[in-house]
Amino acid sequence: MECLHGNFMIVSKNEKEIKKKDGTLDGSYFEVGLSDGRTVITLTAGGENPLVKADMFKTYSMGFDFADKKLKCTSVTADPPKGEPKK
């Protein structure tokens, strides 16, 4: 069950590489910036997280929960444009 819901815009998305001690690539993750219009927060997410698949500069209804002592995005739903009823 999600512990937090809110409407956020994705304002940044950067892919970071994870390297082994010998310098070879071990994987990657994303740093995603979210804004509610007043504050910007940065979350890290793996490639399969719904945040990574969402479009930049669009507002989404998002759900969050804590896993392994970290805040994780668990759902991303597109908000309809203002003036259109929600389905």
PDB file of N, CA and C in Angstrom:
ATOM      1  N   MET A   1       0.839  -1.189   0.000  1.00  0.00           N
ATOM      2  CA  MET A   1       0.000   0.000   0.000  1.00  0.00           C
ATOM      3  C   MET A   1       0.877   1.243   0.000  1.00  0.00           C
ATOM      4  N   GLU A   2       0.500   2.214  -0.796  1.00  0.00           N
ATOM      5  CA  GLU A   2       1.270   3.446  -0.916  1.00  0.00           C
ATOM      6  C   GLU A   2       1.003   4.357   0.274  1.00  0.00           C
ATOM      7  N   CYS A   3       2.066   4.994   0.756  1.00  0.00           N
ATOM      8  CA  CYS A   3       1.930   5.847   1.929  1.00  0.00           C
ATOM      9  C   CYS A   3       1.813   7.321   1.572  1.00  0.00           C
ATOM     10  N   LEU A   4       2.072   7.694   0.320  1.00  0.00           N
ATOM     11  CA  LEU A   4       2.052   9.096  -0.083  1.00  0.00           C
ATOM     12  C   LEU A   4       1.596   9.194  -1.526  1.00  0.00           C
ATOM     13  N   HIS A   5       0.729  10.152  -1.811  1.00  0.00           N
ATOM     14  CA  HIS A   5       0.262  10.429  -3.170  1.00  0.00           C
ATOM     15  C   HIS A   5       0.442  11.907  -3.442  1.00  0.00           C
ATOM     16  N   GLY A   6       0.633  12.271  -4.697  1.00  0.00           N
ATOM     17  CA  GLY A   6       0.715  13.680  -5.047  1.00  0.00           C
ATOM     18  C   GLY A   6       0.863  13.870  -6.539  1.00  0.00           C
ATOM     19  N   ASN A   7       0.676  15.117  -6.976  1.00  0.00           N
ATOM     20  CA  ASN A   7       0.858  15.479  -8.375  1.00  0.00           C
ATOM     21  C   ASN A   7       2.215  16.133  -8.530  1.00  0.00           C
ATOM     22  N   PHE A   8       3.029  15.576  -9.408  1.00  0.00           N
ATOM     23  CA  PHE A   8       4.385  16.065  -9.610  1.00  0.00           C
ATOM     24  C   PHE A   8       4.702  16.132 -11.095  1.00  0.00           C
ATOM     25  N   MET A   9       5.562  17.091 -11.451  1.00  0.00           N
ATOM     26  CA  MET A   9       6.078  17.195 -12.809  1.00  0.00           C
ATOM     27  C   MET A   9       7.505  16.666 -12.812  1.00  0.00           C
ATOM     28  N   ILE A  10       7.850  15.908 -13.838  1.00  0.00           N
ATOM     29  CA  ILE A  10       9.219  15.420 -13.985  1.00  0.00           C
ATOM     30  C   ILE A  10      10.028  16.531 -14.638  1.00  0.00           C
ATOM     31  N   VAL A  11      11.007  17.074 -13.899  1.00  0.00           N
ATOM     32  CA  VAL A  11      11.774  18.225 -14.376  1.00  0.00           C
ATOM     33  C   VAL A  11      13.205  17.879 -14.769  1.00  0.00           C
ATOM     34  N   SER A  12      13.681  16.711 -14.408  1.00  0.00           N
ATOM     35  CA  SER A  12      15.012  16.278 -14.840  1.00  0.00           C
ATOM     36  C   SER A  12      15.090  14.763 -14.802  1.00  0.00           C
ATOM     37  N   LYS A  13      15.954  14.227 -15.647  1.00  0.00           N
ATOM     38  CA  LYS A  13      16.152  12.779 -15.703  1.00  0.00           C
ATOM     39  C   LYS A  13      17.569  12.542 -16.224  1.00  0.00           C
ATOM     40  N   ASN A  14      18.431  11.986 -15.385  1.00  0.00           N
ATOM     41  CA  ASN A  14      19.818  11.743 -15.762  1.00  0.00           C
ATOM     42  C   ASN A  14      20.180  10.293 -15.499  1.00  0.00           C
ATOM     43  N   GLU A  15      20.775   9.651 -16.495  1.00  0.00           N
ATOM     44  CA  GLU A  15      21.221   8.269 -16.327  1.00  0.00           C
ATOM     45  C   GLU A  15      22.642   8.268 -15.780  1.00  0.00           C
ATOM     46  N   LYS A  16      22.867   7.492 -14.748  1.00  0.00           N
ATOM     47  CA  LYS A  16      24.183   7.355 -14.120  1.00  0.00           C
ATOM     48  C   LYS A  16      24.656   5.921 -14.288  1.00  0.00           C
ATOM     49  N   GLU A  17      25.939   5.749 -14.540  1.00  0.00           N
ATOM     50  CA  GLU A  17      26.507   4.416 -14.701  1.00  0.00           C
ATOM     51  C   GLU A  17      27.076   3.906 -13.381  1.00  0.00           C
ATOM     52  N   ILE A  18      26.933   2.620 -13.166  1.00  0.00           N
ATOM     53  CA  ILE A  18      27.540   1.954 -12.017  1.00  0.00           C
ATOM     54  C   ILE A  18      28.724   1.161 -12.559  1.00  0.00           C
ATOM     55  N   LYS A  19      29.902   1.445 -12.018  1.00  0.00           N
ATOM     56  CA  LYS A  19      31.102   0.765 -12.501  1.00  0.00           C
ATOM     57  C   LYS A  19      31.698  -0.105 -11.412  1.00  0.00           C
ATOM     58  N   LYS A  20      32.272  -1.203 -11.851  1.00  0.00           N
ATOM     59  CA  LYS A  20      32.986  -2.089 -10.933  1.00  0.00           C
ATOM     60  C   LYS A  20      34.330  -1.456 -10.585  1.00  0.00           C
ATOM     61  N   LYS A  21      35.022  -2.037  -9.624  1.00  0.00           N
ATOM     62  CA  LYS A  21      36.325  -1.513  -9.215  1.00  0.00           C
ATOM     63  C   LYS A  21      37.336  -1.500 -10.357  1.00  0.00           C
ATOM     64  N   ASP A  22      37.195  -2.449 -11.302  1.00  0.00           N
ATOM     65  CA  ASP A  22      38.137  -2.494 -12.426  1.00  0.00           C
ATOM     66  C   ASP A  22      37.753  -1.541 -13.563  1.00  0.00           C
ATOM     67  N   GLY A  23      36.656  -0.770 -13.370  1.00  0.00           N
ATOM     68  CA  GLY A  23      36.250   0.228 -14.352  1.00  0.00           C
ATOM     69  C   GLY A  23      35.244  -0.244 -15.382  1.00  0.00           C
ATOM     70  N   THR A  24      34.890  -1.524 -15.386  1.00  0.00           N
ATOM     71  CA  THR A  24      33.910  -2.027 -16.348  1.00  0.00           C
ATOM     72  C   THR A  24      32.499  -1.675 -15.879  1.00  0.00           C
ATOM     73  N   LEU A  25      31.617  -1.533 -16.838  1.00  0.00           N
ATOM     74  CA  LEU A  25      30.230  -1.163 -16.555  1.00  0.00           C
ATOM     75  C   LEU A  25      29.499  -2.307 -15.867  1.00  0.00           C
ATOM     76  N   ASP A  26      28.818  -1.969 -14.750  1.00  0.00           N
ATOM     77  CA  ASP A  26      28.078  -2.970 -13.985  1.00  0.00           C
ATOM     78  C   ASP A  26      26.572  -2.752 -14.077  1.00  0.00           C
ATOM     79  N   GLY A  27      26.137  -1.616 -14.593  1.00  0.00           N
ATOM     80  CA  GLY A  27      24.716  -1.312 -14.688  1.00  0.00           C
ATOM     81  C   GLY A  27      24.504   0.186 -14.686  1.00  0.00           C
ATOM     82  N   SER A  28      23.242   0.577 -14.525  1.00  0.00           N
ATOM     83  CA  SER A  28      22.930   2.002 -14.471  1.00  0.00           C
ATOM     84  C   SER A  28      21.670   2.236 -13.649  1.00  0.00           C
ATOM     85  N   TYR A  29      21.483   3.487 -13.276  1.00  0.00           N
ATOM     86  CA  TYR A  29      20.275   3.915 -12.580  1.00  0.00           C
ATOM     87  C   TYR A  29      19.976   5.334 -13.037  1.00  0.00           C
ATOM     88  N   PHE A  30      18.849   5.869 -12.641  1.00  0.00           N
ATOM     89  CA  PHE A  30      18.447   7.211 -13.047  1.00  0.00           C
ATOM     90  C   PHE A  30      18.241   8.087 -11.816  1.00  0.00           C
ATOM     91  N   GLU A  31      18.628   9.358 -11.929  1.00  0.00           N
ATOM     92  CA  GLU A  31      18.272  10.387 -10.955  1.00  0.00           C
ATOM     93  C   GLU A  31      17.154  11.189 -11.598  1.00  0.00           C
ATOM     94  N   VAL A  32      15.990  11.224 -10.944  1.00  0.00           N
ATOM     95  CA  VAL A  32      14.815  11.879 -11.503  1.00  0.00           C
ATOM     96  C   VAL A  32      14.405  13.014 -10.574  1.00  0.00           C
ATOM     97  N   GLY A  33      14.275  14.222 -11.127  1.00  0.00           N
ATOM     98  CA  GLY A  33      13.839  15.388 -10.368  1.00  0.00           C
ATOM     99  C   GLY A  33      12.343  15.577 -10.517  1.00  0.00           C
ATOM    100  N   LEU A  34      11.650  15.733  -9.392  1.00  0.00           N
ATOM    101  CA  LEU A  34      10.207  15.936  -9.376  1.00  0.00           C
ATOM    102  C   LEU A  34       9.895  17.264  -8.721  1.00  0.00           C
ATOM    103  N   SER A  35       8.889  17.981  -9.258  1.00  0.00           N
ATOM    104  CA  SER A  35       8.493  19.257  -8.676  1.00  0.00           C
ATOM    105  C   SER A  35       6.984  19.307  -8.503  1.00  0.00           C
ATOM    106  N   ASP A  36       6.555  19.870  -7.377  1.00  0.00           N
ATOM    107  CA  ASP A  36       5.131  20.115  -7.148  1.00  0.00           C
ATOM    108  C   ASP A  36       4.785  21.576  -7.422  1.00  0.00           C
ATOM    109  N   GLY A  37       5.716  22.331  -7.975  1.00  0.00           N
ATOM    110  CA  GLY A  37       5.507  23.745  -8.264  1.00  0.00           C
ATOM    111  C   GLY A  37       6.162  24.650  -7.243  1.00  0.00           C
ATOM    112  N   ARG A  38       6.506  24.112  -6.087  1.00  0.00           N
ATOM    113  CA  ARG A  38       7.177  24.880  -5.035  1.00  0.00           C
ATOM    114  C   ARG A  38       8.532  24.291  -4.681  1.00  0.00           C
ATOM    115  N   THR A  39       8.617  22.986  -4.690  1.00  0.00           N
ATOM    116  CA  THR A  39       9.808  22.286  -4.237  1.00  0.00           C
ATOM    117  C   THR A  39      10.234  21.267  -5.286  1.00  0.00           C
ATOM    118  N   VAL A  40      11.536  21.050  -5.389  1.00  0.00           N
ATOM    119  CA  VAL A  40      12.065  20.005  -6.272  1.00  0.00           C
ATOM    120  C   VAL A  40      12.740  18.959  -5.398  1.00  0.00           C
ATOM    121  N   ILE A  41      12.407  17.689  -5.630  1.00  0.00           N
ATOM    122  CA  ILE A  41      13.076  16.595  -4.929  1.00  0.00           C
ATOM    123  C   ILE A  41      13.707  15.682  -5.976  1.00  0.00           C
ATOM    124  N   THR A  42      14.760  15.004  -5.597  1.00  0.00           N
ATOM    125  CA  THR A  42      15.436  14.073  -6.491  1.00  0.00           C
ATOM    126  C   THR A  42      15.335  12.674  -5.921  1.00  0.00           C
ATOM    127  N   LEU A  43      14.895  11.744  -6.755  1.00  0.00           N
ATOM    128  CA  LEU A  43      14.819  10.333  -6.385  1.00  0.00           C
ATOM    129  C   LEU A  43      15.704   9.537  -7.330  1.00  0.00           C
ATOM    130  N   THR A  44      16.213   8.423  -6.863  1.00  0.00           N
ATOM    131  CA  THR A  44      16.914   7.498  -7.743  1.00  0.00           C
ATOM    132  C   THR A  44      15.948   6.382  -8.113  1.00  0.00           C
ATOM    133  N   ALA A  45      16.107   5.861  -9.330  1.00  0.00           N
ATOM    134  CA  ALA A  45      15.201   4.824  -9.810  1.00  0.00           C
ATOM    135  C   ALA A  45      15.930   3.918 -10.786  1.00  0.00           C
ATOM    136  N   GLY A  46      15.572   2.643 -10.759  1.00  0.00           N
ATOM    137  CA  GLY A  46      16.103   1.688 -11.723  1.00  0.00           C
ATOM    138  C   GLY A  46      15.388   1.816 -13.052  1.00  0.00           C
ATOM    139  N   GLY A  47      15.898   1.169 -14.060  1.00  0.00           N
ATOM    140  CA  GLY A  47      15.359   1.278 -15.407  1.00  0.00           C
ATOM    141  C   GLY A  47      13.932   0.797 -15.579  1.00  0.00           C
ATOM    142  N   GLU A  48      13.442  -0.055 -14.689  1.00  0.00           N
ATOM    143  CA  GLU A  48      12.074  -0.578 -14.789  1.00  0.00           C
ATOM    144  C   GLU A  48      11.066   0.242 -13.976  1.00  0.00           C
ATOM    145  N   ASN A  49      11.515   1.249 -13.263  1.00  0.00           N
ATOM    146  CA  ASN A  49      10.624   2.074 -12.445  1.00  0.00           C
ATOM    147  C   ASN A  49       9.718   2.902 -13.349  1.00  0.00           C
ATOM    148  N   PRO A  50       8.439   3.077 -12.988  1.00  0.00           N
ATOM    149  CA  PRO A  50       7.529   3.864 -13.832  1.00  0.00           C
ATOM    150  C   PRO A  50       7.978   5.315 -14.026  1.00  0.00           C
ATOM    151  N   LEU A  51       8.769   5.861 -13.112  1.00  0.00           N
ATOM    152  CA  LEU A  51       9.283   7.227 -13.267  1.00  0.00           C
ATOM    153  C   LEU A  51      10.143   7.362 -14.511  1.00  0.00           C
ATOM    154  N   VAL A  52      10.946   6.366 -14.779  1.00  0.00           N
ATOM    155  CA  VAL A  52      11.886   6.413 -15.897  1.00  0.00           C
ATOM    156  C   VAL A  52      11.142   6.394 -17.230  1.00  0.00           C
ATOM    157  N   LYS A  53      10.012   5.724 -17.269  1.00  0.00           N
ATOM    158  CA  LYS A  53       9.254   5.587 -18.508  1.00  0.00           C
ATOM    159  C   LYS A  53       8.335   6.786 -18.776  1.00  0.00           C
ATOM    160  N   ALA A  54       8.141   7.660 -17.793  1.00  0.00           N
ATOM    161  CA  ALA A  54       7.262   8.819 -17.936  1.00  0.00           C
ATOM    162  C   ALA A  54       7.968   9.937 -18.703  1.00  0.00           C
ATOM    163  N   ASP A  55       7.180  10.782 -19.362  1.00  0.00           N
ATOM    164  CA  ASP A  55       7.714  11.879 -20.177  1.00  0.00           C
ATOM    165  C   ASP A  55       8.130  13.074 -19.319  1.00  0.00           C
ATOM    166  N   MET A  56       9.155  13.765 -19.802  1.00  0.00           N
ATOM    167  CA  MET A  56       9.636  14.972 -19.131  1.00  0.00           C
ATOM    168  C   MET A  56       8.612  16.105 -19.271  1.00  0.00           C
ATOM    169  N   PHE A  57       8.574  16.972 -18.276  1.00  0.00           N
ATOM    170  CA  PHE A  57       7.776  18.201 -18.247  1.00  0.00           C
ATOM    171  C   PHE A  57       6.279  17.950 -18.391  1.00  0.00           C
ATOM    172  N   LYS A  58       5.825  16.795 -17.936  1.00  0.00           N
ATOM    173  CA  LYS A  58       4.400  16.496 -17.853  1.00  0.00           C
ATOM    174  C   LYS A  58       4.072  16.207 -16.399  1.00  0.00           C
ATOM    175  N   THR A  59       2.850  16.552 -16.002  1.00  0.00           N
ATOM    176  CA  THR A  59       2.416  16.333 -14.627  1.00  0.00           C
ATOM    177  C   THR A  59       1.718  14.985 -14.521  1.00  0.00           C
ATOM    178  N   TYR A  60       2.063  14.265 -13.464  1.00  0.00           N
ATOM    179  CA  TYR A  60       1.510  12.942 -13.224  1.00  0.00           C
ATOM    180  C   TYR A  60       1.037  12.839 -11.774  1.00  0.00           C
ATOM    181  N   SER A  61       0.043  12.009 -11.557  1.00  0.00           N
ATOM    182  CA  SER A  61      -0.349  11.620 -10.216  1.00  0.00           C
ATOM    183  C   SER A  61       0.548  10.445  -9.841  1.00  0.00           C
ATOM    184  N   MET A  62       1.278  10.588  -8.722  1.00  0.00           N
ATOM    185  CA  MET A  62       2.256   9.570  -8.354  1.00  0.00           C
ATOM    186  C   MET A  62       1.988   9.033  -6.962  1.00  0.00           C
ATOM    187  N   GLY A  63       2.314   7.767  -6.788  1.00  0.00           N
ATOM    188  CA  GLY A  63       2.233   7.130  -5.487  1.00  0.00           C
ATOM    189  C   GLY A  63       3.625   6.723  -5.038  1.00  0.00           C
ATOM    190  N   PHE A  64       3.887   6.829  -3.740  1.00  0.00           N
ATOM    191  CA  PHE A  64       5.198   6.528  -3.187  1.00  0.00           C
ATOM    192  C   PHE A  64       5.063   5.636  -1.968  1.00  0.00           C
ATOM    193  N   ASP A  65       6.100   4.886  -1.699  1.00  0.00           N
ATOM    194  CA  ASP A  65       6.158   4.042  -0.509  1.00  0.00           C
ATOM    195  C   ASP A  65       7.620   3.914  -0.096  1.00  0.00           C
ATOM    196  N   PHE A  66       7.848   3.485   1.116  1.00  0.00           N
ATOM    197  CA  PHE A  66       9.210   3.266   1.594  1.00  0.00           C
ATOM    198  C   PHE A  66       9.581   1.802   1.413  1.00  0.00           C
ATOM    199  N   ALA A  67      10.775   1.565   0.854  1.00  0.00           N
ATOM    200  CA  ALA A  67      11.308   0.210   0.688  1.00  0.00           C
ATOM    201  C   ALA A  67      12.804   0.281   0.963  1.00  0.00           C
ATOM    202  N   ASP A  68      13.290  -0.567   1.829  1.00  0.00           N
ATOM    203  CA  ASP A  68      14.710  -0.576   2.192  1.00  0.00           C
ATOM    204  C   ASP A  68      15.186   0.799   2.650  1.00  0.00           C
ATOM    205  N   LYS A  69      14.374   1.468   3.441  1.00  0.00           N
ATOM    206  CA  LYS A  69      14.687   2.779   4.017  1.00  0.00           C
ATOM    207  C   LYS A  69      14.822   3.891   2.979  1.00  0.00           C
ATOM    208  N   LYS A  70      14.251   3.669   1.780  1.00  0.00           N
ATOM    209  CA  LYS A  70      14.299   4.668   0.715  1.00  0.00           C
ATOM    210  C   LYS A  70      12.888   4.933   0.218  1.00  0.00           C
ATOM    211  N   LEU A  71      12.637   6.175  -0.200  1.00  0.00           N
ATOM    212  CA  LEU A  71      11.358   6.526  -0.798  1.00  0.00           C
ATOM    213  C   LEU A  71      11.365   6.076  -2.252  1.00  0.00           C
ATOM    214  N   LYS A  72      10.402   5.240  -2.627  1.00  0.00           N
ATOM    215  CA  LYS A  72      10.329   4.688  -3.981  1.00  0.00           C
ATOM    216  C   LYS A  72       9.007   5.095  -4.621  1.00  0.00           C
ATOM    217  N   CYS A  73       9.058   5.435  -5.903  1.00  0.00           N
ATOM    218  CA  CYS A  73       7.842   5.690  -6.665  1.00  0.00           C
ATOM    219  C   CYS A  73       7.253   4.342  -7.068  1.00  0.00           C
ATOM    220  N   THR A  74       5.983   4.122  -6.736  1.00  0.00           N
ATOM    221  CA  THR A  74       5.351   2.839  -7.031  1.00  0.00           C
ATOM    222  C   THR A  74       4.292   2.922  -8.125  1.00  0.00           C
ATOM    223  N   SER A  75       3.808   4.141  -8.429  1.00  0.00           N
ATOM    224  CA  SER A  75       2.819   4.276  -9.505  1.00  0.00           C
ATOM    225  C   SER A  75       2.900   5.666 -10.122  1.00  0.00           C
ATOM    226  N   VAL A  76       2.658   5.713 -11.421  1.00  0.00           N
ATOM    227  CA  VAL A  76       2.640   6.969 -12.175  1.00  0.00           C
ATOM    228  C   VAL A  76       1.431   6.916 -13.101  1.00  0.00           C
ATOM    229  N   THR A  77       0.503   7.868 -12.918  1.00  0.00           N
ATOM    230  CA  THR A  77      -0.700   7.934 -13.731  1.00  0.00           C
ATOM    231  C   THR A  77      -0.795   9.327 -14.334  1.00  0.00           C
ATOM    232  N   ALA A  78      -1.026   9.404 -15.638  1.00  0.00           N
ATOM    233  CA  ALA A  78      -1.122  10.700 -16.306  1.00  0.00           C
ATOM    234  C   ALA A  78      -2.356  11.449 -15.822  1.00  0.00           C
ATOM    235  N   ASP A  79      -2.162  12.713 -15.478  1.00  0.00           N
ATOM    236  CA  ASP A  79      -3.290  13.580 -15.136  1.00  0.00           C
ATOM    237  C   ASP A  79      -3.901  14.110 -16.422  1.00  0.00           C
ATOM    238  N   PRO A  80      -5.244  14.180 -16.516  1.00  0.00           N
ATOM    239  CA  PRO A  80      -5.833  14.771 -17.718  1.00  0.00           C
ATOM    240  C   PRO A  80      -5.551  16.276 -17.730  1.00  0.00           C
ATOM    241  N   PRO A  81      -5.461  16.899 -18.917  1.00  0.00           N
ATOM    242  CA  PRO A  81      -5.277  18.347 -18.969  1.00  0.00           C
ATOM    243  C   PRO A  81      -6.400  19.065 -18.218  1.00  0.00           C
ATOM    244  N   LYS A  82      -6.098  20.256 -17.697  1.00  0.00           N
ATOM    245  CA  LYS A  82      -7.114  21.014 -16.939  1.00  0.00           C
ATOM    246  C   LYS A  82      -8.329  21.251 -17.805  1.00  0.00           C
ATOM    247  N   GLY A  83      -9.498  21.106 -17.223  1.00  0.00           N
ATOM    248  CA  GLY A  83     -10.746  21.305 -17.945  1.00  0.00           C
ATOM    249  C   GLY A  83     -11.358  20.011 -18.465  1.00  0.00           C
ATOM    250  N   GLU A  84     -10.586  18.947 -18.518  1.00  0.00           N
ATOM    251  CA  GLU A  84     -11.133  17.663 -18.963  1.00  0.00           C
ATOM    252  C   GLU A  84     -11.452  16.804 -17.745  1.00  0.00           C
ATOM    253  N   PRO A  85     -12.592  16.132 -17.749  1.00  0.00           N
ATOM    254  CA  PRO A  85     -12.924  15.274 -16.595  1.00  0.00           C
ATOM    255  C   PRO A  85     -12.020  14.051 -16.534  1.00  0.00           C
ATOM    256  N   LYS A  86     -11.755  13.603 -15.292  1.00  0.00           N
ATOM    257  CA  LYS A  86     -10.979  12.377 -15.120  1.00  0.00           C
ATOM    258  C   LYS A  86     -11.842  11.185 -15.477  1.00  0.00           C
ATOM    259  N   LYS A  87     -11.226  10.180 -16.062  1.00  0.00           N
ATOM    260  CA  LYS A  87     -11.979   8.979 -16.458  1.00  0.00           C
ATOM    261  C   LYS A  87     -11.994   7.976 -15.350  1.00  0.00           C
TER     262      LYS A  87
END
